[in-house]
Amino acid sequence: MTRVEINAELTKLRFEREKAQREVDNIQACMNALMQKRNDLDFQLKHGDLFTAMFGDERGEDSAFMDDNFGG
């Protein structure tokens, strides 16, 4: 191999490495988004949604937040 061929191969490999790193970064971002959605679902199952927690349910019953802060 000549010096020019080696440099060309190194450039090609650097490009491939950068492309692979972008793919890894994209996969990690997707995983982070899915983990956040999972955590949000777990929170909602445990505590209910924020609107209901603050303002009561659709039947018009006040929440503990409303009772504590506004006298029900």
PDB file of N, CA and C in Angstrom:
ATOM      1  N   MET A   1       0.839  -1.186   0.000  1.00  0.00           N
ATOM      2  CA  MET A   1       0.000   0.000   0.000  1.00  0.00           C
ATOM      3  C   MET A   1       0.882   1.247   0.000  1.00  0.00           C
ATOM      4  N   THR A   2       0.441   2.205  -0.728  1.00  0.00           N
ATOM      5  CA  THR A   2       1.161   3.472  -0.739  1.00  0.00           C
ATOM      6  C   THR A   2       0.616   4.387   0.350  1.00  0.00           C
ATOM      7  N   ARG A   3       1.358   5.440   0.611  1.00  0.00           N
ATOM      8  CA  ARG A   3       0.932   6.418   1.617  1.00  0.00           C
ATOM      9  C   ARG A   3      -0.434   7.010   1.252  1.00  0.00           C
ATOM     10  N   VAL A   4      -0.661   7.290  -0.004  1.00  0.00           N
ATOM     11  CA  VAL A   4      -1.934   7.854  -0.471  1.00  0.00           C
ATOM     12  C   VAL A   4      -3.074   6.876  -0.217  1.00  0.00           C
ATOM     13  N   GLU A   5      -2.846   5.606  -0.494  1.00  0.00           N
ATOM     14  CA  GLU A   5      -3.887   4.584  -0.264  1.00  0.00           C
ATOM     15  C   GLU A   5      -4.196   4.441   1.228  1.00  0.00           C
ATOM     16  N   ILE A   6      -3.147   4.494   2.050  1.00  0.00           N
ATOM     17  CA  ILE A   6      -3.352   4.394   3.501  1.00  0.00           C
ATOM     18  C   ILE A   6      -4.157   5.588   4.006  1.00  0.00           C
ATOM     19  N   ASN A   7      -3.811   6.785   3.556  1.00  0.00           N
ATOM     20  CA  ASN A   7      -4.554   7.981   3.960  1.00  0.00           C
ATOM     21  C   ASN A   7      -6.006   7.918   3.504  1.00  0.00           C
ATOM     22  N   ALA A   8      -6.229   7.426   2.306  1.00  0.00           N
ATOM     23  CA  ALA A   8      -7.595   7.289   1.801  1.00  0.00           C
ATOM     24  C   ALA A   8      -8.376   6.294   2.651  1.00  0.00           C
ATOM     25  N   GLU A   9      -7.749   5.193   3.014  1.00  0.00           N
ATOM     26  CA  GLU A   9      -8.414   4.185   3.855  1.00  0.00           C
ATOM     27  C   GLU A   9      -8.705   4.743   5.244  1.00  0.00           C
ATOM     28  N   LEU A  10      -7.759   5.488   5.809  1.00  0.00           N
ATOM     29  CA  LEU A  10      -7.987   6.111   7.118  1.00  0.00           C
ATOM     30  C   LEU A  10      -9.156   7.094   7.069  1.00  0.00           C
ATOM     31  N   THR A  11      -9.215   7.879   6.012  1.00  0.00           N
ATOM     32  CA  THR A  11     -10.330   8.825   5.848  1.00  0.00           C
ATOM     33  C   THR A  11     -11.657   8.086   5.761  1.00  0.00           C
ATOM     34  N   LYS A  12     -11.668   7.005   5.009  1.00  0.00           N
ATOM     35  CA  LYS A  12     -12.883   6.191   4.873  1.00  0.00           C
ATOM     36  C   LYS A  12     -13.296   5.604   6.219  1.00  0.00           C
ATOM     37  N   LEU A  13     -12.339   5.105   6.979  1.00  0.00           N
ATOM     38  CA  LEU A  13     -12.636   4.524   8.290  1.00  0.00           C
ATOM     39  C   LEU A  13     -13.124   5.579   9.283  1.00  0.00           C
ATOM     40  N   ARG A  14     -12.537   6.766   9.238  1.00  0.00           N
ATOM     41  CA  ARG A  14     -13.014   7.853  10.111  1.00  0.00           C
ATOM     42  C   ARG A  14     -14.460   8.200   9.798  1.00  0.00           C
ATOM     43  N   PHE A  15     -14.781   8.265   8.504  1.00  0.00           N
ATOM     44  CA  PHE A  15     -16.149   8.545   8.089  1.00  0.00           C
ATOM     45  C   PHE A  15     -17.101   7.469   8.612  1.00  0.00           C
ATOM     46  N   GLU A  16     -16.719   6.213   8.468  1.00  0.00           N
ATOM     47  CA  GLU A  16     -17.552   5.108   8.954  1.00  0.00           C
ATOM     48  C   GLU A  16     -17.726   5.170  10.473  1.00  0.00           C
ATOM     49  N   ARG A  17     -16.646   5.528  11.195  1.00  0.00           N
ATOM     50  CA  ARG A  17     -16.721   5.647  12.645  1.00  0.00           C
ATOM     51  C   ARG A  17     -17.694   6.755  13.046  1.00  0.00           C
ATOM     52  N   GLU A  18     -17.616   7.904  12.370  1.00  0.00           N
ATOM     53  CA  GLU A  18     -18.523   9.011  12.663  1.00  0.00           C
ATOM     54  C   GLU A  18     -19.974   8.633  12.373  1.00  0.00           C
ATOM     55  N   LYS A  19     -20.182   7.914  11.286  1.00  0.00           N
ATOM     56  CA  LYS A  19     -21.531   7.465  10.932  1.00  0.00           C
ATOM     57  C   LYS A  19     -22.071   6.510  11.999  1.00  0.00           C
ATOM     58  N   ALA A  20     -21.234   5.595  12.439  1.00  0.00           N
ATOM     59  CA  ALA A  20     -21.642   4.654  13.479  1.00  0.00           C
ATOM     60  C   ALA A  20     -21.941   5.385  14.785  1.00  0.00           C
ATOM     61  N   GLN A  21     -21.142   6.410  15.117  1.00  0.00           N
ATOM     62  CA  GLN A  21     -21.374   7.175  16.341  1.00  0.00           C
ATOM     63  C   GLN A  21     -22.711   7.918  16.279  1.00  0.00           C
ATOM     64  N   ARG A  22     -23.044   8.470  15.116  1.00  0.00           N
ATOM     65  CA  ARG A  22     -24.353   9.132  14.958  1.00  0.00           C
ATOM     66  C   ARG A  22     -25.483   8.134  15.165  1.00  0.00           C
ATOM     67  N   GLU A  23     -25.324   6.923  14.645  1.00  0.00           N
ATOM     68  CA  GLU A  23     -26.345   5.891  14.844  1.00  0.00           C
ATOM     69  C   GLU A  23     -26.487   5.538  16.320  1.00  0.00           C
ATOM     70  N   VAL A  24     -25.359   5.388  17.003  1.00  0.00           N
ATOM     71  CA  VAL A  24     -25.388   5.090  18.435  1.00  0.00           C
ATOM     72  C   VAL A  24     -26.077   6.226  19.189  1.00  0.00           C
ATOM     73  N   ASP A  25     -25.738   7.465  18.854  1.00  0.00           N
ATOM     74  CA  ASP A  25     -26.357   8.622  19.512  1.00  0.00           C
ATOM     75  C   ASP A  25     -27.868   8.644  19.273  1.00  0.00           C
ATOM     76  N   ASN A  26     -28.295   8.342  18.055  1.00  0.00           N
ATOM     77  CA  ASN A  26     -29.727   8.310  17.742  1.00  0.00           C
ATOM     78  C   ASN A  26     -30.435   7.198  18.512  1.00  0.00           C
ATOM     79  N   ILE A  27     -29.804   6.040  18.582  1.00  0.00           N
ATOM     80  CA  ILE A  27     -30.393   4.922  19.333  1.00  0.00           C
ATOM     81  C   ILE A  27     -30.506   5.283  20.806  1.00  0.00           C
ATOM     82  N   GLN A  28     -29.469   5.911  21.357  1.00  0.00           N
ATOM     83  CA  GLN A  28     -29.502   6.307  22.763  1.00  0.00           C
ATOM     84  C   GLN A  28     -30.601   7.330  23.020  1.00  0.00           C
ATOM     85  N   ALA A  29     -30.788   8.277  22.100  1.00  0.00           N
ATOM     86  CA  ALA A  29     -31.856   9.269  22.245  1.00  0.00           C
ATOM     87  C   ALA A  29     -33.227   8.593  22.236  1.00  0.00           C
ATOM     88  N   CYS A  30     -33.406   7.610  21.372  1.00  0.00           N
ATOM     89  CA  CYS A  30     -34.671   6.868  21.336  1.00  0.00           C
ATOM     90  C   CYS A  30     -34.889   6.096  22.632  1.00  0.00           C
ATOM     91  N   MET A  31     -33.841   5.472  23.110  1.00  0.00           N
ATOM     92  CA  MET A  31     -33.947   4.734  24.373  1.00  0.00           C
ATOM     93  C   MET A  31     -34.295   5.674  25.527  1.00  0.00           C
ATOM     94  N   ASN A  32     -33.663   6.843  25.554  1.00  0.00           N
ATOM     95  CA  ASN A  32     -33.958   7.818  26.614  1.00  0.00           C
ATOM     96  C   ASN A  32     -35.407   8.271  26.558  1.00  0.00           C
ATOM     97  N   ALA A  33     -35.908   8.516  25.354  1.00  0.00           N
ATOM     98  CA  ALA A  33     -37.306   8.936  25.203  1.00  0.00           C
ATOM     99  C   ALA A  33     -38.254   7.836  25.672  1.00  0.00           C
ATOM    100  N   LEU A  34     -37.969   6.602  25.315  1.00  0.00           N
ATOM    101  CA  LEU A  34     -38.823   5.492  25.748  1.00  0.00           C
ATOM    102  C   LEU A  34     -38.768   5.290  27.258  1.00  0.00           C
ATOM    103  N   MET A  35     -37.584   5.437  27.850  1.00  0.00           N
ATOM    104  CA  MET A  35     -37.476   5.301  29.306  1.00  0.00           C
ATOM    105  C   MET A  35     -38.253   6.410  30.009  1.00  0.00           C
ATOM    106  N   GLN A  36     -38.233   7.629  29.449  1.00  0.00           N
ATOM    107  CA  GLN A  36     -39.001   8.723  30.040  1.00  0.00           C
ATOM    108  C   GLN A  36     -40.500   8.453  29.944  1.00  0.00           C
ATOM    109  N   LYS A  37     -40.933   7.945  28.798  1.00  0.00           N
ATOM    110  CA  LYS A  37     -42.356   7.600  28.658  1.00  0.00           C
ATOM    111  C   LYS A  37     -42.750   6.512  29.651  1.00  0.00           C
ATOM    112  N   ARG A  38     -41.889   5.514  29.830  1.00  0.00           N
ATOM    113  CA  ARG A  38     -42.156   4.457  30.803  1.00  0.00           C
ATOM    114  C   ARG A  38     -42.256   5.032  32.203  1.00  0.00           C
ATOM    115  N   ASN A  39     -41.340   5.923  32.554  1.00  0.00           N
ATOM    116  CA  ASN A  39     -41.381   6.544  33.877  1.00  0.00           C
ATOM    117  C   ASN A  39     -42.632   7.388  34.060  1.00  0.00           C
ATOM    118  N   ASP A  40     -43.032   8.107  33.012  1.00  0.00           N
ATOM    119  CA  ASP A  40     -44.266   8.893  33.078  1.00  0.00           C
ATOM    120  C   ASP A  40     -45.481   7.997  33.296  1.00  0.00           C
ATOM    121  N   LEU A  41     -45.529   6.870  32.584  1.00  0.00           N
ATOM    122  CA  LEU A  41     -46.643   5.932  32.763  1.00  0.00           C
ATOM    123  C   LEU A  41     -46.659   5.355  34.173  1.00  0.00           C
ATOM    124  N   ASP A  42     -45.483   4.995  34.678  1.00  0.00           N
ATOM    125  CA  ASP A  42     -45.405   4.480  36.047  1.00  0.00           C
ATOM    126  C   ASP A  42     -45.900   5.517  37.041  1.00  0.00           C
ATOM    127  N   PHE A  43     -45.513   6.775  36.846  1.00  0.00           N
ATOM    128  CA  PHE A  43     -45.942   7.845  37.738  1.00  0.00           C
ATOM    129  C   PHE A  43     -47.456   8.017  37.672  1.00  0.00           C
ATOM    130  N   GLN A  44     -48.004   8.002  36.455  1.00  0.00           N
ATOM    131  CA  GLN A  44     -49.449   8.162  36.300  1.00  0.00           C
ATOM    132  C   GLN A  44     -50.206   7.010  36.951  1.00  0.00           C
ATOM    133  N   LEU A  45     -49.696   5.796  36.818  1.00  0.00           N
ATOM    134  CA  LEU A  45     -50.351   4.655  37.445  1.00  0.00           C
ATOM    135  C   LEU A  45     -50.317   4.760  38.963  1.00  0.00           C
ATOM    136  N   LYS A  46     -49.226   5.287  39.482  1.00  0.00           N
ATOM    137  CA  LYS A  46     -49.072   5.392  40.935  1.00  0.00           C
ATOM    138  C   LYS A  46     -49.812   6.597  41.503  1.00  0.00           C
ATOM    139  N   HIS A  47     -49.765   7.733  40.806  1.00  0.00           N
ATOM    140  CA  HIS A  47     -50.292   8.980  41.362  1.00  0.00           C
ATOM    141  C   HIS A  47     -51.475   9.555  40.597  1.00  0.00           C
ATOM    142  N   GLY A  48     -51.851   9.003  39.492  1.00  0.00           N
ATOM    143  CA  GLY A  48     -52.856   9.613  38.640  1.00  0.00           C
ATOM    144  C   GLY A  48     -52.210  10.735  37.840  1.00  0.00           C
ATOM    145  N   ASP A  49     -52.968  11.310  36.915  1.00  0.00           N
ATOM    146  CA  ASP A  49     -52.369  12.383  36.127  1.00  0.00           C
ATOM    147  C   ASP A  49     -52.380  13.695  36.908  1.00  0.00           C
ATOM    148  N   LEU A  50     -51.575  14.632  36.490  1.00  0.00           N
ATOM    149  CA  LEU A  50     -51.392  15.889  37.221  1.00  0.00           C
ATOM    150  C   LEU A  50     -52.684  16.690  37.284  1.00  0.00           C
ATOM    151  N   PHE A  51     -53.445  16.753  36.201  1.00  0.00           N
ATOM    152  CA  PHE A  51     -54.678  17.531  36.193  1.00  0.00           C
ATOM    153  C   PHE A  51     -55.649  17.000  37.241  1.00  0.00           C
ATOM    154  N   THR A  52     -55.830  15.681  37.269  1.00  0.00           N
ATOM    155  CA  THR A  52     -56.739  15.082  38.254  1.00  0.00           C
ATOM    156  C   THR A  52     -56.208  15.282  39.663  1.00  0.00           C
ATOM    157  N   ALA A  53     -54.893  15.161  39.828  1.00  0.00           N
ATOM    158  CA  ALA A  53     -54.312  15.360  41.153  1.00  0.00           C
ATOM    159  C   ALA A  53     -54.560  16.774  41.657  1.00  0.00           C
ATOM    160  N   MET A  54     -54.553  17.751  40.751  1.00  0.00           N
ATOM    161  CA  MET A  54     -54.719  19.139  41.172  1.00  0.00           C
ATOM    162  C   MET A  54     -56.182  19.571  41.234  1.00  0.00           C
ATOM    163  N   PHE A  55     -57.010  19.126  40.309  1.00  0.00           N
ATOM    164  CA  PHE A  55     -58.344  19.693  40.174  1.00  0.00           C
ATOM    165  C   PHE A  55     -59.487  18.713  40.414  1.00  0.00           C
ATOM    166  N   GLY A  56     -59.199  17.459  40.671  1.00  0.00           N
ATOM    167  CA  GLY A  56     -60.259  16.493  40.902  1.00  0.00           C
ATOM    168  C   GLY A  56     -60.576  15.706  39.656  1.00  0.00           C
ATOM    169  N   ASP A  57     -61.518  14.801  39.787  1.00  0.00           N
ATOM    170  CA  ASP A  57     -61.834  13.932  38.656  1.00  0.00           C
ATOM    171  C   ASP A  57     -63.015  14.473  37.861  1.00  0.00           C
ATOM    172  N   GLU A  58     -63.379  13.739  36.814  1.00  0.00           N
ATOM    173  CA  GLU A  58     -64.451  14.180  35.923  1.00  0.00           C
ATOM    174  C   GLU A  58     -65.829  14.165  36.585  1.00  0.00           C
ATOM    175  N   ARG A  59     -65.945  13.517  37.733  1.00  0.00           N
ATOM    176  CA  ARG A  59     -67.227  13.490  38.440  1.00  0.00           C
ATOM    177  C   ARG A  59     -67.426  14.744  39.287  1.00  0.00           C
ATOM    178  N   GLY A  60     -66.437  15.641  39.241  1.00  0.00           N
ATOM    179  CA  GLY A  60     -66.561  16.879  39.992  1.00  0.00           C
ATOM    180  C   GLY A  60     -66.075  16.780  41.420  1.00  0.00           C
ATOM    181  N   GLU A  61     -65.459  15.661  41.774  1.00  0.00           N
ATOM    182  CA  GLU A  61     -64.946  15.529  43.130  1.00  0.00           C
ATOM    183  C   GLU A  61     -63.600  16.214  43.227  1.00  0.00           C
ATOM    184  N   ASP A  62     -63.445  17.046  44.254  1.00  0.00           N
ATOM    185  CA  ASP A  62     -62.192  17.771  44.433  1.00  0.00           C
ATOM    186  C   ASP A  62     -61.085  16.820  44.839  1.00  0.00           C
ATOM    187  N   SER A  63     -59.878  17.219  44.481  1.00  0.00           N
ATOM    188  CA  SER A  63     -58.710  16.438  44.855  1.00  0.00           C
ATOM    189  C   SER A  63     -58.235  16.845  46.240  1.00  0.00           C
ATOM    190  N   ALA A  64     -57.309  16.080  46.787  1.00  0.00           N
ATOM    191  CA  ALA A  64     -56.704  16.425  48.071  1.00  0.00           C
ATOM    192  C   ALA A  64     -55.997  17.764  47.964  1.00  0.00           C
ATOM    193  N   PHE A  65     -55.408  18.070  46.839  1.00  0.00           N
ATOM    194  CA  PHE A  65     -54.753  19.356  46.622  1.00  0.00           C
ATOM    195  C   PHE A  65     -55.753  20.479  46.779  1.00  0.00           C
ATOM    196  N   MET A  66     -56.901  20.347  46.158  1.00  0.00           N
ATOM    197  CA  MET A  66     -57.927  21.395  46.266  1.00  0.00           C
ATOM    198  C   MET A  66     -58.428  21.511  47.689  1.00  0.00           C
ATOM    199  N   ASP A  67     -58.654  20.365  48.334  1.00  0.00           N
ATOM    200  CA  ASP A  67     -59.115  20.394  49.718  1.00  0.00           C
ATOM    201  C   ASP A  67     -58.101  21.088  50.624  1.00  0.00           C
ATOM    202  N   ASP A  68     -56.845  20.736  50.470  1.00  0.00           N
ATOM    203  CA  ASP A  68     -55.800  21.292  51.325  1.00  0.00           C
ATOM    204  C   ASP A  68     -55.582  22.776  51.103  1.00  0.00           C
ATOM    205  N   ASN A  69     -55.690  23.223  49.852  1.00  0.00           N
ATOM    206  CA  ASN A  69     -55.321  24.600  49.539  1.00  0.00           C
ATOM    207  C   ASN A  69     -56.506  25.549  49.375  1.00  0.00           C
ATOM    208  N   PHE A  70     -57.661  25.014  49.091  1.00  0.00           N
ATOM    209  CA  PHE A  70     -58.805  25.890  48.819  1.00  0.00           C
ATOM    210  C   PHE A  70     -60.055  25.485  49.601  1.00  0.00           C
ATOM    211  N   GLY A  71     -59.894  24.633  50.574  1.00  0.00           N
ATOM    212  CA  GLY A  71     -61.004  24.249  51.431  1.00  0.00           C
ATOM    213  C   GLY A  71     -62.043  23.362  50.776  1.00  0.00           C
ATOM    214  N   GLY A  72     -61.642  22.664  49.723  1.00  0.00           N
ATOM    215  CA  GLY A  72     -62.537  21.715  49.076  1.00  0.00           C
ATOM    216  C   GLY A  72     -63.522  22.382  48.259  1.00  0.00           C
TER     217      GLY A  72
END
